[in-house]
Amino acid sequence: MNAQKGGIYFGGGSNSLPGAGGDFAGRFSGAGFVLRRRRLNLVPICLGLFLPWVIFCLTLTMLSFWMQYKFPGLCLMVVIAIACVGGLICMQSAYTLIRMLTNDSVSEEPDREGPSWMLFISASVLVALLCAVCLGTRNFWNNMQPYYDVKGLGTYVGVDPSKMRGQELMDAGQVTFKGGSRLDLARSVGFRNEDLFCVAPITSRIVAGSRTPLESYDFWAVGKNCCSGNVADFRCGQYSSKRAHAGVRMVRDDDRAFYRLAVQQAQSAFNIKAVHPLFFHWVEEPNAEIEGYRLNGYRFVLIGIFGYFTFQLFFVMLIALFLSRKKLTP
């Protein structure tokens, strides 16, 4: 082997590299070199595939269900601990790999497979943790927290909205109103604050649309972005169903203040009173609505688990192919 102008010349009858029309068997005639593919170690491959995926599954499940509801502080500590361990291993692996690259020599190529896999695994753990935190928090906020909140409240049947007051149903989670109860769409309004918060009073059939208002409108059907806000065109929930006469309690604390402002707007526009307004999602079957929260939460977790396994498998295959690329050995 002779050096020519800074390059490397493989002596013999052939001077062509593999893939450029040369000896595809991987031997260079007269050079004494063999092009071999690195052997793959199944242990780091399995760790790279299953360890981040398991951490993703456990973290997603922990942040989606009752543990996040009952022990949010403990969940935060677990997430921070996993992030710290994964971050330390990732930095150590990156430091080791950088030292190998900077101390590399022409005559001897260091074995970078171990540090490379360790860097990939630790980085994958951090990515899995971040994805699980984002998805788990979203699932808990949108599906499971409303489910747990409503299930922890009371159930009332046969409530007459024209006679009962909000103070009497402070702990109501599911309310089935008296037969004939309906929405007074003529007195519905919308309050805009980025989203449009829509409200309509729940009344009995006798007074709905009547010019004589109730003493206090304490029960309100609510929804977001389902009215124009300019006219009385409430279209939230099952507003058009004649079978709907029940409500599931609205439990989002960040929305409650804006619904109160919408009710105050209705009080001013229609000269009515709402001493202690309670907010509900207008439905036909409250039990089915609440179970829908739970089923959506479970479905979200299952899709996330199988989806992330496919995602992790793809990147493990990429790193395995990269690390198994062929190298010249004497």
C-alpha atoms as a PDB file:
ATOM      1  CA  MET A   1       0.000   0.000   0.000  1.00  0.00           C
ATOM      2  CA  ASN A   2       1.593   3.285  -1.168  1.00  0.00           C
ATOM      3  CA  ALA A   3       0.645   6.835  -0.335  1.00  0.00           C
ATOM      4  CA  GLN A   4      -0.002   9.103  -3.319  1.00  0.00           C
ATOM      5  CA  LYS A   5      -0.760  12.807  -2.774  1.00  0.00           C
ATOM      6  CA  GLY A   6      -2.391  12.248   0.580  1.00  0.00           C
ATOM      7  CA  GLY A   7      -4.618   9.405  -0.645  1.00  0.00           C
ATOM      8  CA  ILE A   8      -4.409   5.644  -0.121  1.00  0.00           C
ATOM      9  CA  TYR A   9      -3.586   3.318  -3.008  1.00  0.00           C
ATOM     10  CA  PHE A  10      -4.520  -0.348  -2.805  1.00  0.00           C
ATOM     11  CA  GLY A  11      -1.865  -2.153  -4.895  1.00  0.00           C
ATOM     12  CA  GLY A  12      -2.550  -4.958  -7.356  1.00  0.00           C
ATOM     13  CA  GLY A  13      -4.320  -5.417 -10.622  1.00  0.00           C
ATOM     14  CA  SER A  14      -7.477  -3.679  -9.460  1.00  0.00           C
ATOM     15  CA  ASN A  15      -7.740  -0.198  -7.945  1.00  0.00           C
ATOM     16  CA  SER A  16     -11.526   0.037  -7.800  1.00  0.00           C
ATOM     17  CA  LEU A  17     -13.573   0.304  -4.593  1.00  0.00           C
ATOM     18  CA  PRO A  18     -16.662  -1.807  -3.839  1.00  0.00           C
ATOM     19  CA  GLY A  19     -19.791  -0.365  -5.360  1.00  0.00           C
ATOM     20  CA  ALA A  20     -17.809   1.318  -8.167  1.00  0.00           C
ATOM     21  CA  GLY A  21     -17.447  -1.670 -10.482  1.00  0.00           C
ATOM     22  CA  GLY A  22     -14.658  -3.365  -8.498  1.00  0.00           C
ATOM     23  CA  ASP A  23     -14.400  -6.664  -6.627  1.00  0.00           C
ATOM     24  CA  PHE A  24     -17.879  -7.045  -5.007  1.00  0.00           C
ATOM     25  CA  ALA A  25     -16.704 -10.020  -2.991  1.00  0.00           C
ATOM     26  CA  GLY A  26     -14.900  -7.492  -0.822  1.00  0.00           C
ATOM     27  CA  ARG A  27     -11.289  -8.529  -1.654  1.00  0.00           C
ATOM     28  CA  PHE A  28      -8.767  -6.265  -3.235  1.00  0.00           C
ATOM     29  CA  SER A  29      -6.342  -8.308  -5.360  1.00  0.00           C
ATOM     30  CA  GLY A  30      -2.821  -8.073  -4.055  1.00  0.00           C
ATOM     31  CA  ALA A  31      -3.771  -5.739  -1.184  1.00  0.00           C
ATOM     32  CA  GLY A  32      -4.489  -8.267   1.509  1.00  0.00           C
ATOM     33  CA  PHE A  33      -7.612  -6.447   2.767  1.00  0.00           C
ATOM     34  CA  VAL A  34     -11.101  -7.936   3.206  1.00  0.00           C
ATOM     35  CA  LEU A  35     -14.308  -5.895   3.322  1.00  0.00           C
ATOM     36  CA  ARG A  36     -16.331  -7.354   6.189  1.00  0.00           C
ATOM     37  CA  ARG A  37     -19.674  -6.366   7.688  1.00  0.00           C
ATOM     38  CA  ARG A  38     -19.608  -5.774  11.424  1.00  0.00           C
ATOM     39  CA  ARG A  39     -21.411  -8.335  13.526  1.00  0.00           C
ATOM     40  CA  LEU A  40     -24.476  -7.026  15.331  1.00  0.00           C
ATOM     41  CA  ASN A  41     -24.862  -7.484  19.074  1.00  0.00           C
ATOM     42  CA  LEU A  42     -28.444  -8.435  19.917  1.00  0.00           C
ATOM     43  CA  VAL A  43     -28.210  -7.143  23.495  1.00  0.00           C
ATOM     44  CA  PRO A  44     -27.968  -3.407  22.646  1.00  0.00           C
ATOM     45  CA  ILE A  45     -30.500  -3.879  19.833  1.00  0.00           C
ATOM     46  CA  CYS A  46     -33.054  -5.320  22.261  1.00  0.00           C
ATOM     47  CA  LEU A  47     -32.252  -2.662  24.845  1.00  0.00           C
ATOM     48  CA  GLY A  48     -32.573   0.082  22.257  1.00  0.00           C
ATOM     49  CA  LEU A  49     -35.951  -1.244  21.158  1.00  0.00           C
ATOM     50  CA  PHE A  50     -37.627  -2.263  24.397  1.00  0.00           C
ATOM     51  CA  LEU A  51     -36.172  -0.043  27.141  1.00  0.00           C
ATOM     52  CA  PRO A  52     -37.373   3.320  25.698  1.00  0.00           C
ATOM     53  CA  TRP A  53     -40.679   1.732  24.705  1.00  0.00           C
ATOM     54  CA  VAL A  54     -41.266   0.304  28.193  1.00  0.00           C
ATOM     55  CA  ILE A  55     -40.434   3.663  29.777  1.00  0.00           C
ATOM     56  CA  PHE A  56     -42.834   5.340  27.347  1.00  0.00           C
ATOM     57  CA  CYS A  57     -45.616   2.871  28.174  1.00  0.00           C
ATOM     58  CA  LEU A  58     -45.160   3.129  31.936  1.00  0.00           C
ATOM     59  CA  THR A  59     -44.903   6.926  31.927  1.00  0.00           C
ATOM     60  CA  LEU A  60     -47.865   7.361  29.578  1.00  0.00           C
ATOM     61  CA  THR A  61     -49.987   5.053  31.727  1.00  0.00           C
ATOM     62  CA  MET A  62     -48.873   6.711  34.963  1.00  0.00           C
ATOM     63  CA  LEU A  63     -49.671  10.226  33.723  1.00  0.00           C
ATOM     64  CA  SER A  64     -52.976   9.262  32.099  1.00  0.00           C
ATOM     65  CA  PHE A  65     -54.827   7.485  34.881  1.00  0.00           C
ATOM     66  CA  TRP A  66     -55.569   7.471  38.595  1.00  0.00           C
ATOM     67  CA  MET A  67     -51.979   7.799  39.815  1.00  0.00           C
ATOM     68  CA  GLN A  68     -51.742  11.247  38.227  1.00  0.00           C
ATOM     69  CA  TYR A  69     -55.134  12.099  39.716  1.00  0.00           C
ATOM     70  CA  LYS A  70     -54.307  10.924  43.247  1.00  0.00           C
ATOM     71  CA  PHE A  71     -50.539  11.479  43.477  1.00  0.00           C
ATOM     72  CA  PRO A  72     -49.430  14.174  40.993  1.00  0.00           C
ATOM     73  CA  GLY A  73     -46.369  15.061  43.081  1.00  0.00           C
ATOM     74  CA  LEU A  74     -45.106  11.471  43.088  1.00  0.00           C
ATOM     75  CA  CYS A  75     -45.579  11.249  39.318  1.00  0.00           C
ATOM     76  CA  LEU A  76     -43.530  14.410  38.853  1.00  0.00           C
ATOM     77  CA  MET A  77     -40.721  13.017  40.999  1.00  0.00           C
ATOM     78  CA  VAL A  78     -40.623   9.780  38.984  1.00  0.00           C
ATOM     79  CA  VAL A  79     -40.442  11.689  35.701  1.00  0.00           C
ATOM     80  CA  ILE A  80     -37.637  13.930  36.993  1.00  0.00           C
ATOM     81  CA  ALA A  81     -35.672  10.914  38.268  1.00  0.00           C
ATOM     82  CA  ILE A  82     -35.883   9.107  34.930  1.00  0.00           C
ATOM     83  CA  ALA A  83     -34.902  12.293  33.090  1.00  0.00           C
ATOM     84  CA  CYS A  84     -31.867  12.839  35.331  1.00  0.00           C
ATOM     85  CA  VAL A  85     -30.589   9.266  34.969  1.00  0.00           C
ATOM     86  CA  GLY A  86     -31.155   9.256  31.213  1.00  0.00           C
ATOM     87  CA  GLY A  87     -29.504  12.661  30.844  1.00  0.00           C
ATOM     88  CA  LEU A  88     -26.402  11.645  32.800  1.00  0.00           C
ATOM     89  CA  ILE A  89     -25.958   8.438  30.798  1.00  0.00           C
ATOM     90  CA  CYS A  90     -26.491  10.350  27.558  1.00  0.00           C
ATOM     91  CA  MET A  91     -23.836  12.938  28.437  1.00  0.00           C
ATOM     92  CA  GLN A  92     -21.357  10.260  29.544  1.00  0.00           C
ATOM     93  CA  SER A  93     -21.874   8.282  26.339  1.00  0.00           C
ATOM     94  CA  ALA A  94     -21.495  11.389  24.187  1.00  0.00           C
ATOM     95  CA  TYR A  95     -18.291  12.335  26.017  1.00  0.00           C
ATOM     96  CA  THR A  96     -16.816   8.841  25.530  1.00  0.00           C
ATOM     97  CA  LEU A  97     -17.728   8.812  21.844  1.00  0.00           C
ATOM     98  CA  ILE A  98     -16.249  12.265  21.251  1.00  0.00           C
ATOM     99  CA  ARG A  99     -12.993  11.227  22.890  1.00  0.00           C
ATOM    100  CA  MET A 100     -12.819   8.186  20.624  1.00  0.00           C
ATOM    101  CA  LEU A 101     -13.368  10.314  17.543  1.00  0.00           C
ATOM    102  CA  THR A 102     -10.781  12.923  18.482  1.00  0.00           C
ATOM    103  CA  ASN A 103      -8.177  10.287  19.437  1.00  0.00           C
ATOM    104  CA  ASP A 104      -8.719   8.195  16.315  1.00  0.00           C
ATOM    105  CA  SER A 105      -5.645   7.088  14.311  1.00  0.00           C
ATOM    106  CA  VAL A 106      -5.082   5.829  10.780  1.00  0.00           C
ATOM    107  CA  SER A 107      -3.528   2.556  11.829  1.00  0.00           C
ATOM    108  CA  GLU A 108      -6.190   1.476  14.306  1.00  0.00           C
ATOM    109  CA  GLU A 109      -9.913   2.112  14.335  1.00  0.00           C
ATOM    110  CA  PRO A 110     -11.469   2.110  17.829  1.00  0.00           C
ATOM    111  CA  ASP A 111     -14.610   0.146  18.547  1.00  0.00           C
ATOM    112  CA  ARG A 112     -17.312   2.790  18.700  1.00  0.00           C
ATOM    113  CA  GLU A 113     -20.243   0.381  18.703  1.00  0.00           C
ATOM    114  CA  GLY A 114     -20.668   0.210  22.490  1.00  0.00           C
ATOM    115  CA  PRO A 115     -20.663   3.975  23.183  1.00  0.00           C
ATOM    116  CA  SER A 116     -22.781   4.583  20.074  1.00  0.00           C
ATOM    117  CA  TRP A 117     -25.486   2.193  21.248  1.00  0.00           C
ATOM    118  CA  MET A 118     -25.351   3.621  24.758  1.00  0.00           C
ATOM    119  CA  LEU A 119     -25.766   7.153  23.401  1.00  0.00           C
ATOM    120  CA  PHE A 120     -28.667   6.056  21.224  1.00  0.00           C
ATOM    121  CA  ILE A 121     -30.403   4.188  24.054  1.00  0.00           C
ATOM    122  CA  SER A 122     -30.064   7.029  26.565  1.00  0.00           C
ATOM    123  CA  ALA A 123     -31.190   9.619  24.009  1.00  0.00           C
ATOM    124  CA  SER A 124     -34.138   7.383  23.092  1.00  0.00           C
ATOM    125  CA  VAL A 125     -35.104   7.162  26.757  1.00  0.00           C
ATOM    126  CA  LEU A 126     -35.203  10.960  26.982  1.00  0.00           C
ATOM    127  CA  VAL A 127     -37.263  11.244  23.789  1.00  0.00           C
ATOM    128  CA  ALA A 128     -39.641   8.526  25.004  1.00  0.00           C
ATOM    129  CA  LEU A 129     -40.029  10.301  28.333  1.00  0.00           C
ATOM    130  CA  LEU A 130     -40.749  13.650  26.686  1.00  0.00           C
ATOM    131  CA  CYS A 131     -43.331  12.134  24.323  1.00  0.00           C
ATOM    132  CA  ALA A 132     -44.999  10.236  27.177  1.00  0.00           C
ATOM    133  CA  VAL A 133     -45.220  13.361  29.332  1.00  0.00           C
ATOM    134  CA  CYS A 134     -46.794  15.408  26.525  1.00  0.00           C
ATOM    135  CA  LEU A 135     -49.258  12.719  25.434  1.00  0.00           C
ATOM    136  CA  GLY A 136     -50.096  11.533  28.948  1.00  0.00           C
ATOM    137  CA  THR A 137     -50.798  15.060  30.183  1.00  0.00           C
ATOM    138  CA  ARG A 138     -53.024  15.730  27.187  1.00  0.00           C
ATOM    139  CA  ASN A 139     -54.938  12.477  27.651  1.00  0.00           C
ATOM    140  CA  PHE A 140     -55.409  13.081  31.362  1.00  0.00           C
ATOM    141  CA  TRP A 141     -56.536  16.664  30.861  1.00  0.00           C
ATOM    142  CA  ASN A 142     -59.006  15.937  28.056  1.00  0.00           C
ATOM    143  CA  ASN A 143     -60.405  12.541  29.055  1.00  0.00           C
ATOM    144  CA  MET A 144     -59.488  11.023  32.397  1.00  0.00           C
ATOM    145  CA  GLN A 145     -59.592  14.037  34.719  1.00  0.00           C
ATOM    146  CA  PRO A 146     -63.179  14.932  33.695  1.00  0.00           C
ATOM    147  CA  TYR A 147     -64.086  11.267  34.133  1.00  0.00           C
ATOM    148  CA  TYR A 148     -62.642  11.060  37.652  1.00  0.00           C
ATOM    149  CA  ASP A 149     -64.087  14.440  38.634  1.00  0.00           C
ATOM    150  CA  VAL A 150     -67.622  13.637  37.517  1.00  0.00           C
ATOM    151  CA  LYS A 151     -67.552  10.103  38.956  1.00  0.00           C
ATOM    152  CA  GLY A 152     -66.609  11.583  42.306  1.00  0.00           C
ATOM    153  CA  LEU A 153     -69.677  13.839  42.360  1.00  0.00           C
ATOM    154  CA  GLY A 154     -73.302  13.026  43.082  1.00  0.00           C
ATOM    155  CA  THR A 155     -76.141  11.834  40.850  1.00  0.00           C
ATOM    156  CA  TYR A 156     -79.581  13.493  40.899  1.00  0.00           C
ATOM    157  CA  VAL A 157     -82.771  12.391  39.152  1.00  0.00           C
ATOM    158  CA  GLY A 158     -86.022  14.272  38.567  1.00  0.00           C
ATOM    159  CA  VAL A 159     -84.647  17.763  39.100  1.00  0.00           C
ATOM    160  CA  ASP A 160     -87.126  20.525  38.284  1.00  0.00           C
ATOM    161  CA  PRO A 161     -85.103  23.507  36.983  1.00  0.00           C
ATOM    162  CA  SER A 162     -87.973  25.893  37.612  1.00  0.00           C
ATOM    163  CA  LYS A 163     -88.132  25.078  41.346  1.00  0.00           C
ATOM    164  CA  MET A 164     -84.716  23.897  42.532  1.00  0.00           C
ATOM    165  CA  ARG A 165     -81.723  26.184  43.082  1.00  0.00           C
ATOM    166  CA  GLY A 166     -78.065  25.745  42.348  1.00  0.00           C
ATOM    167  CA  GLN A 167     -77.127  25.772  46.045  1.00  0.00           C
ATOM    168  CA  GLU A 168     -79.082  22.541  46.493  1.00  0.00           C
ATOM    169  CA  LEU A 169     -77.002  20.671  43.878  1.00  0.00           C
ATOM    170  CA  MET A 170     -73.505  21.900  44.598  1.00  0.00           C
ATOM    171  CA  ASP A 171     -72.101  18.366  44.430  1.00  0.00           C
ATOM    172  CA  ALA A 172     -74.023  17.329  41.312  1.00  0.00           C
ATOM    173  CA  GLY A 173     -72.054  15.441  38.673  1.00  0.00           C
ATOM    174  CA  GLN A 174     -74.920  13.850  36.738  1.00  0.00           C
ATOM    175  CA  VAL A 175     -78.369  15.400  36.673  1.00  0.00           C
ATOM    176  CA  THR A 176     -81.462  14.005  35.009  1.00  0.00           C
ATOM    177  CA  PHE A 177     -83.997  16.796  34.834  1.00  0.00           C
ATOM    178  CA  LYS A 178     -87.722  16.442  35.134  1.00  0.00           C
ATOM    179  CA  GLY A 179     -89.549  15.270  32.050  1.00  0.00           C
ATOM    180  CA  GLY A 180     -90.375  18.159  29.760  1.00  0.00           C
ATOM    181  CA  SER A 181     -87.267  20.136  30.655  1.00  0.00           C
ATOM    182  CA  ARG A 182     -85.576  21.749  27.709  1.00  0.00           C
ATOM    183  CA  LEU A 183     -83.164  24.465  26.653  1.00  0.00           C
ATOM    184  CA  ASP A 184     -84.414  28.018  26.366  1.00  0.00           C
ATOM    185  CA  LEU A 185     -82.548  28.745  23.125  1.00  0.00           C
ATOM    186  CA  ALA A 186     -84.118  32.176  22.814  1.00  0.00           C
ATOM    187  CA  ARG A 187     -82.096  33.300  25.844  1.00  0.00           C
ATOM    188  CA  SER A 188     -78.770  31.771  24.787  1.00  0.00           C
ATOM    189  CA  VAL A 189     -75.662  33.926  24.385  1.00  0.00           C
ATOM    190  CA  GLY A 190     -71.963  33.560  23.626  1.00  0.00           C
ATOM    191  CA  PHE A 191     -68.930  35.194  25.210  1.00  0.00           C
ATOM    192  CA  ARG A 192     -65.755  35.444  23.150  1.00  0.00           C
ATOM    193  CA  ASN A 193     -62.271  35.180  24.622  1.00  0.00           C
ATOM    194  CA  GLU A 194     -60.213  33.547  21.859  1.00  0.00           C
ATOM    195  CA  ASP A 195     -62.721  30.661  22.063  1.00  0.00           C
ATOM    196  CA  LEU A 196     -66.462  31.259  22.051  1.00  0.00           C
ATOM    197  CA  PHE A 197     -68.130  30.213  25.310  1.00  0.00           C
ATOM    198  CA  CYS A 198     -71.801  29.465  24.692  1.00  0.00           C
ATOM    199  CA  VAL A 199     -74.530  29.145  27.329  1.00  0.00           C
ATOM    200  CA  ALA A 200     -78.268  28.461  27.281  1.00  0.00           C
ATOM    201  CA  PRO A 201     -80.580  28.216  30.333  1.00  0.00           C
ATOM    202  CA  ILE A 202     -82.232  24.900  31.204  1.00  0.00           C
ATOM    203  CA  THR A 203     -85.907  25.447  31.979  1.00  0.00           C
ATOM    204  CA  SER A 204     -89.223  23.624  32.016  1.00  0.00           C
ATOM    205  CA  ARG A 205     -91.363  23.460  28.899  1.00  0.00           C
ATOM    206  CA  ILE A 206     -93.904  25.831  30.402  1.00  0.00           C
ATOM    207  CA  VAL A 207     -91.556  28.798  30.764  1.00  0.00           C
ATOM    208  CA  ALA A 208     -89.215  28.151  27.821  1.00  0.00           C
ATOM    209  CA  GLY A 209     -89.461  31.153  25.518  1.00  0.00           C
ATOM    210  CA  SER A 210     -91.979  32.805  27.827  1.00  0.00           C
ATOM    211  CA  ARG A 211     -91.760  36.513  28.527  1.00  0.00           C
ATOM    212  CA  THR A 212     -92.153  35.788  32.235  1.00  0.00           C
ATOM    213  CA  PRO A 213     -88.720  34.677  33.475  1.00  0.00           C
ATOM    214  CA  LEU A 214     -87.904  32.381  36.366  1.00  0.00           C
ATOM    215  CA  GLU A 215     -86.866  33.803  39.692  1.00  0.00           C
ATOM    216  CA  SER A 216     -83.374  32.428  39.068  1.00  0.00           C
ATOM    217  CA  TYR A 217     -81.818  30.549  36.153  1.00  0.00           C
ATOM    218  CA  ASP A 218     -79.318  28.339  37.974  1.00  0.00           C
ATOM    219  CA  PHE A 219     -78.912  25.512  35.452  1.00  0.00           C
ATOM    220  CA  TRP A 220     -77.126  26.198  32.178  1.00  0.00           C
ATOM    221  CA  ALA A 221     -76.108  24.076  29.218  1.00  0.00           C
ATOM    222  CA  VAL A 222     -72.667  25.050  27.931  1.00  0.00           C
ATOM    223  CA  GLY A 223     -70.253  24.391  25.098  1.00  0.00           C
ATOM    224  CA  LYS A 224     -67.302  25.926  23.290  1.00  0.00           C
ATOM    225  CA  ASN A 225     -67.336  27.301  19.743  1.00  0.00           C
ATOM    226  CA  CYS A 226     -70.857  26.072  19.007  1.00  0.00           C
ATOM    227  CA  CYS A 227     -72.659  29.397  18.599  1.00  0.00           C
ATOM    228  CA  SER A 228     -72.035  32.608  16.723  1.00  0.00           C
ATOM    229  CA  GLY A 229     -72.168  34.925  19.738  1.00  0.00           C
ATOM    230  CA  ASN A 230     -74.188  37.502  17.810  1.00  0.00           C
ATOM    231  CA  VAL A 231     -77.631  35.894  17.848  1.00  0.00           C
ATOM    232  CA  ALA A 232     -79.366  33.210  19.928  1.00  0.00           C
ATOM    233  CA  ASP A 233     -78.135  30.175  17.976  1.00  0.00           C
ATOM    234  CA  PHE A 234     -76.919  27.731  20.643  1.00  0.00           C
ATOM    235  CA  ARG A 235     -75.836  24.454  18.945  1.00  0.00           C
ATOM    236  CA  CYS A 236     -73.892  22.669  21.686  1.00  0.00           C
ATOM    237  CA  GLY A 237     -74.206  19.065  22.755  1.00  0.00           C
ATOM    238  CA  GLN A 238     -77.469  17.320  21.890  1.00  0.00           C
ATOM    239  CA  TYR A 239     -79.410  20.567  21.795  1.00  0.00           C
ATOM    240  CA  SER A 240     -81.747  19.408  19.012  1.00  0.00           C
ATOM    241  CA  SER A 241     -82.658  16.035  20.521  1.00  0.00           C
ATOM    242  CA  LYS A 242     -86.141  15.791  21.999  1.00  0.00           C
ATOM    243  CA  ARG A 243     -84.935  12.909  24.166  1.00  0.00           C
ATOM    244  CA  ALA A 244     -82.213  14.973  25.826  1.00  0.00           C
ATOM    245  CA  HIS A 245     -83.113  16.132  29.323  1.00  0.00           C
ATOM    246  CA  ALA A 246     -79.952  15.395  31.309  1.00  0.00           C
ATOM    247  CA  GLY A 247     -76.654  17.092  32.030  1.00  0.00           C
ATOM    248  CA  VAL A 248     -73.081  16.111  32.810  1.00  0.00           C
ATOM    249  CA  ARG A 249     -71.305  18.638  35.004  1.00  0.00           C
ATOM    250  CA  MET A 250     -68.712  20.877  33.347  1.00  0.00           C
ATOM    251  CA  VAL A 251     -65.634  20.480  35.569  1.00  0.00           C
ATOM    252  CA  ARG A 252     -62.938  22.447  33.735  1.00  0.00           C
ATOM    253  CA  ASP A 253     -61.817  25.135  36.175  1.00  0.00           C
ATOM    254  CA  ASP A 254     -60.139  27.237  33.499  1.00  0.00           C
ATOM    255  CA  ASP A 255     -63.396  27.499  31.514  1.00  0.00           C
ATOM    256  CA  ARG A 256     -65.767  28.144  34.394  1.00  0.00           C
ATOM    257  CA  ALA A 257     -64.919  31.844  34.734  1.00  0.00           C
ATOM    258  CA  PHE A 258     -65.700  32.516  31.082  1.00  0.00           C
ATOM    259  CA  TYR A 259     -69.035  30.698  31.300  1.00  0.00           C
ATOM    260  CA  ARG A 260     -69.879  32.884  34.279  1.00  0.00           C
ATOM    261  CA  LEU A 261     -69.150  35.950  32.170  1.00  0.00           C
ATOM    262  CA  ALA A 262     -71.433  34.581  29.466  1.00  0.00           C
ATOM    263  CA  VAL A 263     -74.217  34.122  32.039  1.00  0.00           C
ATOM    264  CA  GLN A 264     -73.710  37.692  33.254  1.00  0.00           C
ATOM    265  CA  GLN A 265     -74.029  38.806  29.655  1.00  0.00           C
ATOM    266  CA  ALA A 266     -77.329  36.894  29.371  1.00  0.00           C
ATOM    267  CA  GLN A 267     -78.552  38.450  32.617  1.00  0.00           C
ATOM    268  CA  SER A 268     -77.972  41.913  31.216  1.00  0.00           C
ATOM    269  CA  ALA A 269     -79.394  41.154  27.767  1.00  0.00           C
ATOM    270  CA  PHE A 270     -82.616  39.428  28.898  1.00  0.00           C
ATOM    271  CA  ASN A 271     -83.100  41.018  32.333  1.00  0.00           C
ATOM    272  CA  ILE A 272     -82.956  37.699  34.183  1.00  0.00           C
ATOM    273  CA  LYS A 273     -81.230  36.478  37.352  1.00  0.00           C
ATOM    274  CA  ALA A 274     -78.789  33.633  37.950  1.00  0.00           C
ATOM    275  CA  VAL A 275     -78.017  33.502  41.656  1.00  0.00           C
ATOM    276  CA  HIS A 276     -75.823  30.415  41.655  1.00  0.00           C
ATOM    277  CA  PRO A 277     -75.361  29.087  38.103  1.00  0.00           C
ATOM    278  CA  LEU A 278     -74.225  25.492  37.519  1.00  0.00           C
ATOM    279  CA  PHE A 279     -72.920  24.403  34.130  1.00  0.00           C
ATOM    280  CA  PHE A 280     -73.685  21.148  32.328  1.00  0.00           C
ATOM    281  CA  HIS A 281     -73.136  19.454  29.002  1.00  0.00           C
ATOM    282  CA  TRP A 282     -76.590  18.738  27.585  1.00  0.00           C
ATOM    283  CA  VAL A 283     -76.947  15.001  26.757  1.00  0.00           C
ATOM    284  CA  GLU A 284     -79.471  12.185  26.421  1.00  0.00           C
ATOM    285  CA  GLU A 285     -77.633   9.582  28.525  1.00  0.00           C
ATOM    286  CA  PRO A 286     -75.240  10.968  31.144  1.00  0.00           C
ATOM    287  CA  ASN A 287     -73.774   7.538  31.959  1.00  0.00           C
ATOM    288  CA  ALA A 288     -72.867   6.935  28.317  1.00  0.00           C
ATOM    289  CA  GLU A 289     -71.281  10.377  28.115  1.00  0.00           C
ATOM    290  CA  ILE A 290     -69.116   9.754  31.173  1.00  0.00           C
ATOM    291  CA  GLU A 291     -68.083   6.284  29.996  1.00  0.00           C
ATOM    292  CA  GLY A 292     -67.110   7.902  26.714  1.00  0.00           C
ATOM    293  CA  TYR A 293     -64.423   9.867  28.576  1.00  0.00           C
ATOM    294  CA  ARG A 294     -62.970   6.650  29.993  1.00  0.00           C
ATOM    295  CA  LEU A 295     -63.065   4.759  26.698  1.00  0.00           C
ATOM    296  CA  ASN A 296     -61.412   7.655  24.876  1.00  0.00           C
ATOM    297  CA  GLY A 297     -58.658   7.681  27.491  1.00  0.00           C
ATOM    298  CA  TYR A 298     -58.004   3.945  27.115  1.00  0.00           C
ATOM    299  CA  ARG A 299     -58.088   4.194  23.328  1.00  0.00           C
ATOM    300  CA  PHE A 300     -55.607   7.061  23.385  1.00  0.00           C
ATOM    301  CA  VAL A 301     -53.149   5.040  25.501  1.00  0.00           C
ATOM    302  CA  LEU A 302     -53.402   1.926  23.322  1.00  0.00           C
ATOM    303  CA  ILE A 303     -52.819   3.897  20.140  1.00  0.00           C
ATOM    304  CA  GLY A 304     -49.845   5.616  21.766  1.00  0.00           C
ATOM    305  CA  ILE A 305     -48.308   2.319  22.922  1.00  0.00           C
ATOM    306  CA  PHE A 306     -48.464   0.584  19.543  1.00  0.00           C
ATOM    307  CA  GLY A 307     -47.616   3.738  17.636  1.00  0.00           C
ATOM    308  CA  TYR A 308     -44.492   4.413  19.675  1.00  0.00           C
ATOM    309  CA  PHE A 309     -43.305   0.818  19.303  1.00  0.00           C
ATOM    310  CA  THR A 310     -43.401   1.264  15.520  1.00  0.00           C
ATOM    311  CA  PHE A 311     -41.603   4.585  15.837  1.00  0.00           C
ATOM    312  CA  GLN A 312     -38.840   3.114  18.023  1.00  0.00           C
ATOM    313  CA  LEU A 313     -38.446   0.026  15.829  1.00  0.00           C
ATOM    314  CA  PHE A 314     -37.829   2.219  12.797  1.00  0.00           C
ATOM    315  CA  PHE A 315     -34.979   4.119  14.449  1.00  0.00           C
ATOM    316  CA  VAL A 316     -33.426   0.980  15.936  1.00  0.00           C
ATOM    317  CA  MET A 317     -33.278  -0.502  12.451  1.00  0.00           C
ATOM    318  CA  LEU A 318     -31.619   2.665  11.150  1.00  0.00           C
ATOM    319  CA  ILE A 319     -28.922   2.735  13.832  1.00  0.00           C
ATOM    320  CA  ALA A 320     -28.320  -1.009  13.458  1.00  0.00           C
ATOM    321  CA  LEU A 321     -27.794  -0.651   9.718  1.00  0.00           C
ATOM    322  CA  PHE A 322     -25.467   2.296  10.284  1.00  0.00           C
ATOM    323  CA  LEU A 323     -23.314   0.506  12.846  1.00  0.00           C
ATOM    324  CA  SER A 324     -23.155  -2.701  10.801  1.00  0.00           C
ATOM    325  CA  ARG A 325     -21.768  -0.997   7.704  1.00  0.00           C
ATOM    326  CA  LYS A 326     -18.763  -2.711   6.127  1.00  0.00           C
ATOM    327  CA  LYS A 327     -15.191  -1.952   7.102  1.00  0.00           C
ATOM    328  CA  LEU A 328     -11.779  -2.945   5.760  1.00  0.00           C
ATOM    329  CA  THR A 329      -9.902  -5.506   7.833  1.00  0.00           C
ATOM    330  CA  PRO A 330      -6.464  -6.999   7.024  1.00  0.00           C
END
